[in-house]
Amino acid sequence: MSGTAGTVVGIDIGGTSVRAGVLDPSDPDCRILEIVAAPTPHTVPETEDTLAGLVDVLRERHSVRAVGLAVAGFVSTDRARVMFAPHLAWRHDPVPEQLSARIGLPVVMDHDVNSAAWAEYRHGAAAGSPVALLVALGTGIGAGLVVHGDIYRGAHGVAPELGHVVVVPGGRPCPCGKRGCWERYCSGTALADTARELAADPAFAGQPAMGGDTGAPITGAMVAAAAEAGHPVALAAFADLGRWLSVGLAMATDVLDPEVIVIGGGVVGAARHFLPDAVAGMLAGITGHGHRPAPRVEVARFGGLAGIIGGALLAADAVA
């Protein structure tokens, strides 16, 4: 073994891929020493095999002392079970216990956005904040809340589910079963939906198709690229996303009163097209505007690596 001694592994388990990274928890920059990845399996045994295999690869080169899992799903309050994950195989499974028995290392677990929020709180854009909210804009909206040094999980482990708060009664249908959820208007998916609607609007008649004449369906990434080129429909779609972001952030501020709101997720790469207007709208929309402190808004430091880093830091905390 030639790697760093006393390292920990964080594993971000998403719907399409599983990424495992190793880091030294004493490093304040949280530099990941090595990452290995695999496609997300579709059965419980295959998933356990994949997780154990990734850990084994990393500890061939590093002295690993604990593992932290960041799971895209509902995790029980005691973090002992994955209750439900729409894109993973687990249903009420004691994942940390089973994996720990398999690999012979301590294993801890949390929701992936809780893990990302913990990374940003410990060493990122929310470092040291008394009340820090992470809002991750990706396929949907994920949120994580750290209050006075503790991750807030709610009574049943699923808080804060901000993405599925209804902002437009009877609005766009959501996979959760409701209509008009915030994430249906403010996410990468929403960005593409809005761009498709705007492209059909007579006000934008005559504009070239985003992505050229390939006929490919409009995606969030396509809209971001078109916005960089100044495409009017793409810029209008981002303006709409920013408007809905301001609505949701003002709502979250009224309810939670955070000191800092960190904006993360894949959409944040195009933040210049929507975040300044969203922050201005949030400040104007909070209750008591002008007569109360408002949260500062920051872009996430760790980006797509935050789940890995947060999982690793939670693992280090467990064995400290």
C-alpha atoms as a PDB file:
ATOM      1  CA  MET A   1       0.000   0.000   0.000  1.00  0.00           C
ATOM      2  CA  SER A   2       1.511   3.294  -1.112  1.00  0.00           C
ATOM      3  CA  GLY A   3      -1.248   5.845  -0.439  1.00  0.00           C
ATOM      4  CA  THR A   4      -2.094   8.155   2.441  1.00  0.00           C
ATOM      5  CA  ALA A   5      -2.613   6.731   5.930  1.00  0.00           C
ATOM      6  CA  GLY A   6      -5.778   7.404   7.907  1.00  0.00           C
ATOM      7  CA  THR A   7      -7.987   8.278   4.956  1.00  0.00           C
ATOM      8  CA  VAL A   8     -11.757   7.953   4.618  1.00  0.00           C
ATOM      9  CA  VAL A   9     -13.939   7.122   1.643  1.00  0.00           C
ATOM     10  CA  GLY A  10     -17.073   8.955   0.563  1.00  0.00           C
ATOM     11  CA  ILE A  11     -19.419   7.265  -1.919  1.00  0.00           C
ATOM     12  CA  ASP A  12     -22.037   9.262  -3.812  1.00  0.00           C
ATOM     13  CA  ILE A  13     -24.742   6.821  -4.911  1.00  0.00           C
ATOM     14  CA  GLY A  14     -26.919   8.326  -7.610  1.00  0.00           C
ATOM     15  CA  GLY A  15     -29.478   7.017 -10.038  1.00  0.00           C
ATOM     16  CA  THR A  16     -27.014   6.515 -12.905  1.00  0.00           C
ATOM     17  CA  SER A  17     -23.560   6.227 -11.336  1.00  0.00           C
ATOM     18  CA  VAL A  18     -21.754   5.385  -8.119  1.00  0.00           C
ATOM     19  CA  ARG A  19     -18.634   7.459  -7.404  1.00  0.00           C
ATOM     20  CA  ALA A  20     -16.217   6.714  -4.574  1.00  0.00           C
ATOM     21  CA  GLY A  21     -13.483   9.123  -3.509  1.00  0.00           C
ATOM     22  CA  VAL A  22     -10.805   8.943  -0.849  1.00  0.00           C
ATOM     23  CA  LEU A  23      -9.532  11.931   1.119  1.00  0.00           C
ATOM     24  CA  ASP A  24      -7.573  12.869   4.210  1.00  0.00           C
ATOM     25  CA  PRO A  25     -10.120  14.438   6.608  1.00  0.00           C
ATOM     26  CA  SER A  26      -7.410  16.622   8.149  1.00  0.00           C
ATOM     27  CA  ASP A  27      -6.962  18.445   4.827  1.00  0.00           C
ATOM     28  CA  PRO A  28      -8.981  21.705   5.071  1.00  0.00           C
ATOM     29  CA  ASP A  29      -9.141  21.895   1.263  1.00  0.00           C
ATOM     30  CA  CYS A  30     -10.796  18.449   1.119  1.00  0.00           C
ATOM     31  CA  ARG A  31      -8.753  17.430  -1.897  1.00  0.00           C
ATOM     32  CA  ILE A  32      -9.881  14.075  -3.236  1.00  0.00           C
ATOM     33  CA  LEU A  33      -6.859  11.837  -3.694  1.00  0.00           C
ATOM     34  CA  GLU A  34      -8.499   9.352  -6.037  1.00  0.00           C
ATOM     35  CA  ILE A  35     -11.941   8.660  -7.501  1.00  0.00           C
ATOM     36  CA  VAL A  36     -13.300   5.429  -8.906  1.00  0.00           C
ATOM     37  CA  ALA A  37     -16.761   4.958 -10.394  1.00  0.00           C
ATOM     38  CA  ALA A  38     -19.207   2.394 -11.731  1.00  0.00           C
ATOM     39  CA  PRO A  39     -22.725   2.384 -13.218  1.00  0.00           C
ATOM     40  CA  THR A  40     -25.543   2.165 -10.664  1.00  0.00           C
ATOM     41  CA  PRO A  41     -26.762  -1.460 -10.390  1.00  0.00           C
ATOM     42  CA  HIS A  42     -30.415  -2.464 -10.381  1.00  0.00           C
ATOM     43  CA  THR A  43     -30.527  -5.100  -7.621  1.00  0.00           C
ATOM     44  CA  VAL A  44     -29.567  -5.085  -3.949  1.00  0.00           C
ATOM     45  CA  PRO A  45     -26.849  -7.792  -4.246  1.00  0.00           C
ATOM     46  CA  GLU A  46     -25.306  -6.086  -7.276  1.00  0.00           C
ATOM     47  CA  THR A  47     -25.328  -2.745  -5.481  1.00  0.00           C
ATOM     48  CA  GLU A  48     -23.536  -4.186  -2.457  1.00  0.00           C
ATOM     49  CA  ASP A  49     -21.017  -5.886  -4.754  1.00  0.00           C
ATOM     50  CA  THR A  50     -20.363  -2.577  -6.509  1.00  0.00           C
ATOM     51  CA  LEU A  51     -19.871  -0.614  -3.275  1.00  0.00           C
ATOM     52  CA  ALA A  52     -17.570  -3.254  -1.799  1.00  0.00           C
ATOM     53  CA  GLY A  53     -15.618  -3.451  -5.043  1.00  0.00           C
ATOM     54  CA  LEU A  54     -15.026   0.307  -5.203  1.00  0.00           C
ATOM     55  CA  VAL A  55     -13.857   0.379  -1.577  1.00  0.00           C
ATOM     56  CA  ASP A  56     -11.525  -2.551  -2.225  1.00  0.00           C
ATOM     57  CA  VAL A  57      -9.966  -0.754  -5.206  1.00  0.00           C
ATOM     58  CA  LEU A  58      -9.289   2.356  -3.100  1.00  0.00           C
ATOM     59  CA  ARG A  59      -7.864   0.547  -0.111  1.00  0.00           C
ATOM     60  CA  GLU A  60      -5.374  -1.257  -2.287  1.00  0.00           C
ATOM     61  CA  ARG A  61      -3.608   2.122  -2.445  1.00  0.00           C
ATOM     62  CA  HIS A  62      -4.833   3.936   0.681  1.00  0.00           C
ATOM     63  CA  SER A  63      -5.192   3.088   4.358  1.00  0.00           C
ATOM     64  CA  VAL A  64      -8.959   3.500   4.678  1.00  0.00           C
ATOM     65  CA  ARG A  65     -10.492   3.616   8.157  1.00  0.00           C
ATOM     66  CA  ALA A  66     -14.168   4.368   7.471  1.00  0.00           C
ATOM     67  CA  VAL A  67     -16.724   4.787   4.688  1.00  0.00           C
ATOM     68  CA  GLY A  68     -19.549   7.322   4.321  1.00  0.00           C
ATOM     69  CA  LEU A  69     -22.460   6.799   1.923  1.00  0.00           C
ATOM     70  CA  ALA A  70     -24.331   9.713   0.333  1.00  0.00           C
ATOM     71  CA  VAL A  71     -27.585   8.204  -0.950  1.00  0.00           C
ATOM     72  CA  ALA A  72     -30.134   9.694  -3.345  1.00  0.00           C
ATOM     73  CA  GLY A  73     -33.140   8.483  -1.391  1.00  0.00           C
ATOM     74  CA  PHE A  74     -35.065   8.616   1.874  1.00  0.00           C
ATOM     75  CA  VAL A  75     -32.835   7.676   4.803  1.00  0.00           C
ATOM     76  CA  SER A  76     -34.286   6.816   8.224  1.00  0.00           C
ATOM     77  CA  THR A  77     -33.788   9.326  11.032  1.00  0.00           C
ATOM     78  CA  ASP A  78     -31.182   7.107  12.706  1.00  0.00           C
ATOM     79  CA  ARG A  79     -29.447   6.741   9.302  1.00  0.00           C
ATOM     80  CA  ALA A  80     -29.548   2.951   9.649  1.00  0.00           C
ATOM     81  CA  ARG A  81     -31.823   2.189   6.689  1.00  0.00           C
ATOM     82  CA  VAL A  82     -32.604   3.352   3.185  1.00  0.00           C
ATOM     83  CA  MET A  83     -36.384   3.566   3.319  1.00  0.00           C
ATOM     84  CA  PHE A  84     -36.988   4.314  -0.354  1.00  0.00           C
ATOM     85  CA  ALA A  85     -34.957   5.504  -3.321  1.00  0.00           C
ATOM     86  CA  PRO A  86     -36.755   5.904  -6.662  1.00  0.00           C
ATOM     87  CA  HIS A  87     -33.696   5.053  -8.761  1.00  0.00           C
ATOM     88  CA  LEU A  88     -32.019   2.539  -6.417  1.00  0.00           C
ATOM     89  CA  ALA A  89     -32.889  -1.017  -5.430  1.00  0.00           C
ATOM     90  CA  TRP A  90     -33.065  -0.561  -1.653  1.00  0.00           C
ATOM     91  CA  ARG A  91     -36.380  -0.699   0.232  1.00  0.00           C
ATOM     92  CA  HIS A  92     -36.118  -0.543   4.042  1.00  0.00           C
ATOM     93  CA  ASP A  93     -32.628  -2.041   3.818  1.00  0.00           C
ATOM     94  CA  PRO A  94     -30.032  -1.745   6.638  1.00  0.00           C
ATOM     95  CA  VAL A  95     -27.353  -0.684   4.171  1.00  0.00           C
ATOM     96  CA  PRO A  96     -24.579   0.524   6.538  1.00  0.00           C
ATOM     97  CA  GLU A  97     -24.789  -2.620   8.683  1.00  0.00           C
ATOM     98  CA  GLN A  98     -24.719  -4.941   5.699  1.00  0.00           C
ATOM     99  CA  LEU A  99     -21.863  -3.164   3.929  1.00  0.00           C
ATOM    100  CA  SER A 100     -19.834  -2.866   7.121  1.00  0.00           C
ATOM    101  CA  ALA A 101     -20.106  -6.628   7.678  1.00  0.00           C
ATOM    102  CA  ARG A 102     -19.002  -7.168   4.087  1.00  0.00           C
ATOM    103  CA  ILE A 103     -15.932  -4.888   4.051  1.00  0.00           C
ATOM    104  CA  GLY A 104     -14.909  -4.953   7.722  1.00  0.00           C
ATOM    105  CA  LEU A 105     -14.944  -1.156   8.138  1.00  0.00           C
ATOM    106  CA  PRO A 106     -17.266   1.297   9.914  1.00  0.00           C
ATOM    107  CA  VAL A 107     -19.918   2.592   7.496  1.00  0.00           C
ATOM    108  CA  VAL A 108     -22.202   5.596   7.999  1.00  0.00           C
ATOM    109  CA  MET A 109     -24.894   6.952   5.697  1.00  0.00           C
ATOM    110  CA  ASP A 110     -26.932  10.056   4.958  1.00  0.00           C
ATOM    111  CA  HIS A 111     -29.020  11.602   2.217  1.00  0.00           C
ATOM    112  CA  ASP A 112     -26.845  12.857  -0.637  1.00  0.00           C
ATOM    113  CA  VAL A 113     -27.879  16.512  -0.282  1.00  0.00           C
ATOM    114  CA  ASN A 114     -27.418  16.381   3.505  1.00  0.00           C
ATOM    115  CA  SER A 115     -23.911  15.119   2.813  1.00  0.00           C
ATOM    116  CA  ALA A 116     -23.276  17.913   0.327  1.00  0.00           C
ATOM    117  CA  ALA A 117     -24.587  20.490   2.799  1.00  0.00           C
ATOM    118  CA  TRP A 118     -22.245  19.086   5.449  1.00  0.00           C
ATOM    119  CA  ALA A 119     -19.263  19.475   3.112  1.00  0.00           C
ATOM    120  CA  GLU A 120     -20.165  23.092   2.367  1.00  0.00           C
ATOM    121  CA  TYR A 121     -20.726  23.788   6.075  1.00  0.00           C
ATOM    122  CA  ARG A 122     -17.471  22.226   7.224  1.00  0.00           C
ATOM    123  CA  HIS A 123     -15.059  23.574   4.617  1.00  0.00           C
ATOM    124  CA  GLY A 124     -17.011  25.235   1.823  1.00  0.00           C
ATOM    125  CA  ALA A 125     -19.165  28.244   1.054  1.00  0.00           C
ATOM    126  CA  ALA A 126     -21.122  27.948   4.329  1.00  0.00           C
ATOM    127  CA  ALA A 127     -18.136  27.318   6.608  1.00  0.00           C
ATOM    128  CA  GLY A 128     -19.003  28.071  10.236  1.00  0.00           C
ATOM    129  CA  SER A 129     -22.470  29.476   9.516  1.00  0.00           C
ATOM    130  CA  PRO A 130     -24.979  29.071  12.388  1.00  0.00           C
ATOM    131  CA  VAL A 131     -27.833  28.233   9.982  1.00  0.00           C
ATOM    132  CA  ALA A 132     -26.858  27.146   6.469  1.00  0.00           C
ATOM    133  CA  LEU A 133     -29.201  26.043   3.700  1.00  0.00           C
ATOM    134  CA  LEU A 134     -27.981  24.265   0.557  1.00  0.00           C
ATOM    135  CA  VAL A 135     -30.275  24.363  -2.474  1.00  0.00           C
ATOM    136  CA  ALA A 136     -29.055  22.038  -5.222  1.00  0.00           C
ATOM    137  CA  LEU A 137     -30.489  22.714  -8.673  1.00  0.00           C
ATOM    138  CA  GLY A 138     -30.120  19.645 -10.861  1.00  0.00           C
ATOM    139  CA  THR A 139     -32.649  17.310 -12.467  1.00  0.00           C
ATOM    140  CA  GLY A 140     -34.876  18.436  -9.586  1.00  0.00           C
ATOM    141  CA  ILE A 141     -34.229  20.411  -6.405  1.00  0.00           C
ATOM    142  CA  GLY A 142     -32.495  18.958  -3.381  1.00  0.00           C
ATOM    143  CA  ALA A 143     -32.048  20.791  -0.094  1.00  0.00           C
ATOM    144  CA  GLY A 144     -29.958  20.317   3.030  1.00  0.00           C
ATOM    145  CA  LEU A 145     -30.041  22.331   6.249  1.00  0.00           C
ATOM    146  CA  VAL A 146     -27.357  22.617   8.932  1.00  0.00           C
ATOM    147  CA  VAL A 147     -28.477  24.262  12.194  1.00  0.00           C
ATOM    148  CA  HIS A 148     -25.866  25.125  14.820  1.00  0.00           C
ATOM    149  CA  GLY A 149     -23.546  22.372  13.693  1.00  0.00           C
ATOM    150  CA  ASP A 150     -26.141  19.624  13.207  1.00  0.00           C
ATOM    151  CA  ILE A 151     -27.807  18.390  10.038  1.00  0.00           C
ATOM    152  CA  TYR A 152     -31.551  18.931  10.349  1.00  0.00           C
ATOM    153  CA  ARG A 153     -33.405  15.827   9.170  1.00  0.00           C
ATOM    154  CA  GLY A 154     -36.920  16.331  10.559  1.00  0.00           C
ATOM    155  CA  ALA A 155     -38.989  13.835  12.520  1.00  0.00           C
ATOM    156  CA  HIS A 156     -38.765  11.099   9.878  1.00  0.00           C
ATOM    157  CA  GLY A 157     -35.488  11.850   8.129  1.00  0.00           C
ATOM    158  CA  VAL A 158     -36.859  13.478   4.965  1.00  0.00           C
ATOM    159  CA  ALA A 159     -36.571  17.221   5.687  1.00  0.00           C
ATOM    160  CA  PRO A 160     -36.223  19.717   4.074  1.00  0.00           C
ATOM    161  CA  GLU A 161     -38.055  18.590   0.914  1.00  0.00           C
ATOM    162  CA  LEU A 162     -38.234  22.076  -0.602  1.00  0.00           C
ATOM    163  CA  GLY A 163     -38.343  20.929  -4.212  1.00  0.00           C
ATOM    164  CA  HIS A 164     -41.838  19.519  -3.755  1.00  0.00           C
ATOM    165  CA  VAL A 165     -43.432  22.520  -2.116  1.00  0.00           C
ATOM    166  CA  VAL A 166     -46.223  23.625  -4.478  1.00  0.00           C
ATOM    167  CA  VAL A 167     -45.676  27.104  -5.898  1.00  0.00           C
ATOM    168  CA  VAL A 168     -48.223  26.915  -8.750  1.00  0.00           C
ATOM    169  CA  PRO A 169     -51.445  25.158  -7.670  1.00  0.00           C
ATOM    170  CA  GLY A 170     -52.558  22.914 -10.517  1.00  0.00           C
ATOM    171  CA  GLY A 171     -49.352  23.645 -12.426  1.00  0.00           C
ATOM    172  CA  ARG A 172     -46.916  21.373 -14.230  1.00  0.00           C
ATOM    173  CA  PRO A 173     -47.230  17.696 -13.243  1.00  0.00           C
ATOM    174  CA  CYS A 174     -44.425  16.350 -11.078  1.00  0.00           C
ATOM    175  CA  PRO A 175     -43.169  12.738 -10.818  1.00  0.00           C
ATOM    176  CA  CYS A 176     -43.879  12.939  -7.076  1.00  0.00           C
ATOM    177  CA  GLY A 177     -47.598  12.879  -7.916  1.00  0.00           C
ATOM    178  CA  LYS A 178     -48.377  16.523  -7.187  1.00  0.00           C
ATOM    179  CA  ARG A 179     -48.699  19.445  -9.601  1.00  0.00           C
ATOM    180  CA  GLY A 180     -46.879  22.765  -9.544  1.00  0.00           C
ATOM    181  CA  CYS A 181     -43.892  21.771  -7.392  1.00  0.00           C
ATOM    182  CA  TRP A 182     -41.078  24.307  -7.138  1.00  0.00           C
ATOM    183  CA  GLU A 183     -38.649  22.013  -8.973  1.00  0.00           C
ATOM    184  CA  ARG A 184     -40.969  21.903 -11.992  1.00  0.00           C
ATOM    185  CA  TYR A 185     -40.168  25.588 -12.529  1.00  0.00           C
ATOM    186  CA  CYS A 186     -36.650  25.844 -11.123  1.00  0.00           C
ATOM    187  CA  SER A 187     -34.274  23.023 -12.128  1.00  0.00           C
ATOM    188  CA  GLY A 188     -32.420  21.676 -15.135  1.00  0.00           C
ATOM    189  CA  THR A 189     -35.546  19.806 -16.182  1.00  0.00           C
ATOM    190  CA  ALA A 190     -37.672  22.915 -15.721  1.00  0.00           C
ATOM    191  CA  LEU A 191     -35.224  24.976 -17.752  1.00  0.00           C
ATOM    192  CA  ALA A 192     -35.681  22.675 -20.739  1.00  0.00           C
ATOM    193  CA  ASP A 193     -39.473  22.586 -20.295  1.00  0.00           C
ATOM    194  CA  THR A 194     -39.648  26.382 -20.190  1.00  0.00           C
ATOM    195  CA  ALA A 195     -37.411  26.727 -23.241  1.00  0.00           C
ATOM    196  CA  ARG A 196     -39.660  24.353 -25.221  1.00  0.00           C
ATOM    197  CA  GLU A 197     -42.724  26.367 -24.238  1.00  0.00           C
ATOM    198  CA  LEU A 198     -41.054  29.658 -25.146  1.00  0.00           C
ATOM    199  CA  ALA A 199     -39.785  28.319 -28.476  1.00  0.00           C
ATOM    200  CA  ALA A 200     -43.413  27.752 -29.465  1.00  0.00           C
ATOM    201  CA  ASP A 201     -44.448  31.252 -28.380  1.00  0.00           C
ATOM    202  CA  PRO A 202     -45.235  33.589 -31.315  1.00  0.00           C
ATOM    203  CA  ALA A 203     -43.185  36.264 -29.541  1.00  0.00           C
ATOM    204  CA  PHE A 204     -40.060  34.266 -30.429  1.00  0.00           C
ATOM    205  CA  ALA A 205     -41.079  33.339 -33.979  1.00  0.00           C
ATOM    206  CA  GLY A 206     -38.197  33.270 -36.428  1.00  0.00           C
ATOM    207  CA  GLN A 207     -35.521  32.429 -33.857  1.00  0.00           C
ATOM    208  CA  PRO A 208     -33.121  29.649 -34.856  1.00  0.00           C
ATOM    209  CA  ALA A 209     -33.600  26.298 -33.156  1.00  0.00           C
ATOM    210  CA  MET A 210     -31.406  25.707 -30.138  1.00  0.00           C
ATOM    211  CA  GLY A 211     -28.803  23.124 -31.011  1.00  0.00           C
ATOM    212  CA  GLY A 212     -29.108  23.868 -34.726  1.00  0.00           C
ATOM    213  CA  ASP A 213     -31.318  21.928 -37.109  1.00  0.00           C
ATOM    214  CA  THR A 214     -30.610  18.483 -35.679  1.00  0.00           C
ATOM    215  CA  GLY A 215     -34.127  18.099 -34.338  1.00  0.00           C
ATOM    216  CA  ALA A 216     -32.741  16.875 -31.015  1.00  0.00           C
ATOM    217  CA  PRO A 217     -34.984  17.428 -27.977  1.00  0.00           C
ATOM    218  CA  ILE A 218     -34.142  20.559 -25.972  1.00  0.00           C
ATOM    219  CA  THR A 219     -32.166  19.774 -22.814  1.00  0.00           C
ATOM    220  CA  GLY A 220     -30.962  21.920 -19.938  1.00  0.00           C
ATOM    221  CA  ALA A 221     -27.383  21.645 -21.198  1.00  0.00           C
ATOM    222  CA  MET A 222     -28.532  22.779 -24.647  1.00  0.00           C
ATOM    223  CA  VAL A 223     -30.264  25.811 -23.147  1.00  0.00           C
ATOM    224  CA  ALA A 224     -27.135  26.715 -21.165  1.00  0.00           C
ATOM    225  CA  ALA A 225     -24.980  26.537 -24.302  1.00  0.00           C
ATOM    226  CA  ALA A 226     -27.486  28.639 -26.246  1.00  0.00           C
ATOM    227  CA  ALA A 227     -27.568  31.246 -23.483  1.00  0.00           C
ATOM    228  CA  GLU A 228     -23.800  31.604 -23.723  1.00  0.00           C
ATOM    229  CA  ALA A 229     -24.312  32.408 -27.416  1.00  0.00           C
ATOM    230  CA  GLY A 230     -26.991  34.975 -26.565  1.00  0.00           C
ATOM    231  CA  HIS A 231     -29.991  33.023 -27.861  1.00  0.00           C
ATOM    232  CA  PRO A 232     -33.134  35.006 -26.876  1.00  0.00           C
ATOM    233  CA  VAL A 233     -35.214  31.942 -25.992  1.00  0.00           C
ATOM    234  CA  ALA A 234     -32.468  30.523 -23.784  1.00  0.00           C
ATOM    235  CA  LEU A 235     -31.951  33.839 -22.010  1.00  0.00           C
ATOM    236  CA  ALA A 236     -35.713  34.144 -21.451  1.00  0.00           C
ATOM    237  CA  ALA A 237     -35.802  30.596 -20.032  1.00  0.00           C
ATOM    238  CA  PHE A 238     -33.030  31.468 -17.576  1.00  0.00           C
ATOM    239  CA  ALA A 239     -34.840  34.661 -16.607  1.00  0.00           C
ATOM    240  CA  ASP A 240     -37.914  32.569 -15.803  1.00  0.00           C
ATOM    241  CA  LEU A 241     -35.836  30.129 -13.771  1.00  0.00           C
ATOM    242  CA  GLY A 242     -34.328  33.047 -11.841  1.00  0.00           C
ATOM    243  CA  ARG A 243     -37.783  34.423 -11.101  1.00  0.00           C
ATOM    244  CA  TRP A 244     -38.946  31.108  -9.658  1.00  0.00           C
ATOM    245  CA  LEU A 245     -35.688  30.709  -7.752  1.00  0.00           C
ATOM    246  CA  SER A 246     -36.320  34.064  -6.090  1.00  0.00           C
ATOM    247  CA  VAL A 247     -39.822  32.942  -5.095  1.00  0.00           C
ATOM    248  CA  GLY A 248     -38.551  29.731  -3.506  1.00  0.00           C
ATOM    249  CA  LEU A 249     -35.606  31.346  -1.760  1.00  0.00           C
ATOM    250  CA  ALA A 250     -37.832  34.046  -0.267  1.00  0.00           C
ATOM    251  CA  MET A 251     -40.204  31.335   0.955  1.00  0.00           C
ATOM    252  CA  ALA A 252     -37.329  29.328   2.459  1.00  0.00           C
ATOM    253  CA  THR A 253     -35.951  32.470   4.119  1.00  0.00           C
ATOM    254  CA  ASP A 254     -39.306  33.285   5.708  1.00  0.00           C
ATOM    255  CA  VAL A 255     -39.615  29.751   7.087  1.00  0.00           C
ATOM    256  CA  LEU A 256     -36.019  28.899   8.014  1.00  0.00           C
ATOM    257  CA  ASP A 257     -34.233  32.273   8.440  1.00  0.00           C
ATOM    258  CA  PRO A 258     -30.828  30.974   7.253  1.00  0.00           C
ATOM    259  CA  GLU A 259     -27.661  33.008   7.629  1.00  0.00           C
ATOM    260  CA  VAL A 260     -26.395  31.727   4.270  1.00  0.00           C
ATOM    261  CA  ILE A 261     -27.997  29.997   1.293  1.00  0.00           C
ATOM    262  CA  VAL A 262     -25.591  28.006  -0.860  1.00  0.00           C
ATOM    263  CA  ILE A 263     -26.672  27.334  -4.439  1.00  0.00           C
ATOM    264  CA  GLY A 264     -25.263  24.114  -5.897  1.00  0.00           C
ATOM    265  CA  GLY A 265     -26.132  21.461  -8.457  1.00  0.00           C
ATOM    266  CA  GLY A 266     -25.441  21.219 -12.154  1.00  0.00           C
ATOM    267  CA  VAL A 267     -27.437  24.327 -13.128  1.00  0.00           C
ATOM    268  CA  VAL A 268     -25.156  26.556 -11.070  1.00  0.00           C
ATOM    269  CA  GLY A 269     -22.554  26.425 -13.857  1.00  0.00           C
ATOM    270  CA  ALA A 270     -24.751  28.961 -15.666  1.00  0.00           C
ATOM    271  CA  ALA A 271     -25.332  31.073 -12.541  1.00  0.00           C
ATOM    272  CA  ARG A 272     -24.450  34.357 -14.225  1.00  0.00           C
ATOM    273  CA  HIS A 273     -27.595  34.040 -16.337  1.00  0.00           C
ATOM    274  CA  PHE A 274     -30.003  33.808 -13.406  1.00  0.00           C
ATOM    275  CA  LEU A 275     -28.487  34.175  -9.940  1.00  0.00           C
ATOM    276  CA  PRO A 276     -28.073  37.989  -9.676  1.00  0.00           C
ATOM    277  CA  ASP A 277     -31.732  38.574 -10.564  1.00  0.00           C
ATOM    278  CA  ALA A 278     -32.822  35.697  -8.314  1.00  0.00           C
ATOM    279  CA  VAL A 279     -31.007  37.180  -5.326  1.00  0.00           C
ATOM    280  CA  ALA A 280     -32.474  40.636  -5.983  1.00  0.00           C
ATOM    281  CA  GLY A 281     -35.945  39.115  -6.241  1.00  0.00           C
ATOM    282  CA  MET A 282     -35.450  37.128  -3.047  1.00  0.00           C
ATOM    283  CA  LEU A 283     -34.368  40.207  -1.114  1.00  0.00           C
ATOM    284  CA  ALA A 284     -37.429  42.119  -2.336  1.00  0.00           C
ATOM    285  CA  GLY A 285     -39.733  39.196  -1.566  1.00  0.00           C
ATOM    286  CA  ILE A 286     -38.858  38.286   2.019  1.00  0.00           C
ATOM    287  CA  THR A 287     -41.150  39.329   4.836  1.00  0.00           C
ATOM    288  CA  GLY A 288     -39.877  42.486   6.528  1.00  0.00           C
ATOM    289  CA  HIS A 289     -37.738  43.477   3.544  1.00  0.00           C
ATOM    290  CA  GLY A 290     -35.478  46.342   4.535  1.00  0.00           C
ATOM    291  CA  HIS A 291     -36.096  45.879   8.253  1.00  0.00           C
ATOM    292  CA  ARG A 292     -34.351  42.565   8.926  1.00  0.00           C
ATOM    293  CA  PRO A 293     -31.058  40.821   8.138  1.00  0.00           C
ATOM    294  CA  ALA A 294     -31.201  38.859   4.906  1.00  0.00           C
ATOM    295  CA  PRO A 295     -29.220  35.716   4.118  1.00  0.00           C
ATOM    296  CA  ARG A 296     -26.163  35.974   1.990  1.00  0.00           C
ATOM    297  CA  VAL A 297     -26.241  33.791  -1.104  1.00  0.00           C
ATOM    298  CA  GLU A 298     -23.137  31.901  -2.218  1.00  0.00           C
ATOM    299  CA  VAL A 299     -22.269  29.484  -5.001  1.00  0.00           C
ATOM    300  CA  ALA A 300     -21.223  26.043  -3.734  1.00  0.00           C
ATOM    301  CA  ARG A 301     -17.489  25.531  -3.424  1.00  0.00           C
ATOM    302  CA  PHE A 302     -17.339  21.790  -4.034  1.00  0.00           C
ATOM    303  CA  GLY A 303     -19.789  21.438  -6.921  1.00  0.00           C
ATOM    304  CA  GLY A 304     -20.481  17.876  -7.982  1.00  0.00           C
ATOM    305  CA  LEU A 305     -17.940  16.493  -5.511  1.00  0.00           C
ATOM    306  CA  ALA A 306     -19.786  17.754  -2.424  1.00  0.00           C
ATOM    307  CA  GLY A 307     -21.634  14.471  -1.819  1.00  0.00           C
ATOM    308  CA  ILE A 308     -18.400  12.470  -1.853  1.00  0.00           C
ATOM    309  CA  ILE A 309     -16.659  14.983   0.415  1.00  0.00           C
ATOM    310  CA  GLY A 310     -19.559  15.255   2.829  1.00  0.00           C
ATOM    311  CA  GLY A 311     -19.927  11.476   3.053  1.00  0.00           C
ATOM    312  CA  ALA A 312     -16.228  11.132   3.790  1.00  0.00           C
ATOM    313  CA  LEU A 313     -16.331  13.844   6.477  1.00  0.00           C
ATOM    314  CA  LEU A 314     -19.338  12.208   8.138  1.00  0.00           C
ATOM    315  CA  ALA A 315     -17.424   8.924   8.169  1.00  0.00           C
ATOM    316  CA  ALA A 316     -14.420  10.643   9.746  1.00  0.00           C
ATOM    317  CA  ASP A 317     -16.671  12.192  12.410  1.00  0.00           C
ATOM    318  CA  ALA A 318     -18.039   8.747  13.261  1.00  0.00           C
ATOM    319  CA  VAL A 319     -14.624   7.260  14.003  1.00  0.00           C
ATOM    320  CA  ALA A 320     -12.949  10.331  15.509  1.00  0.00           C
END
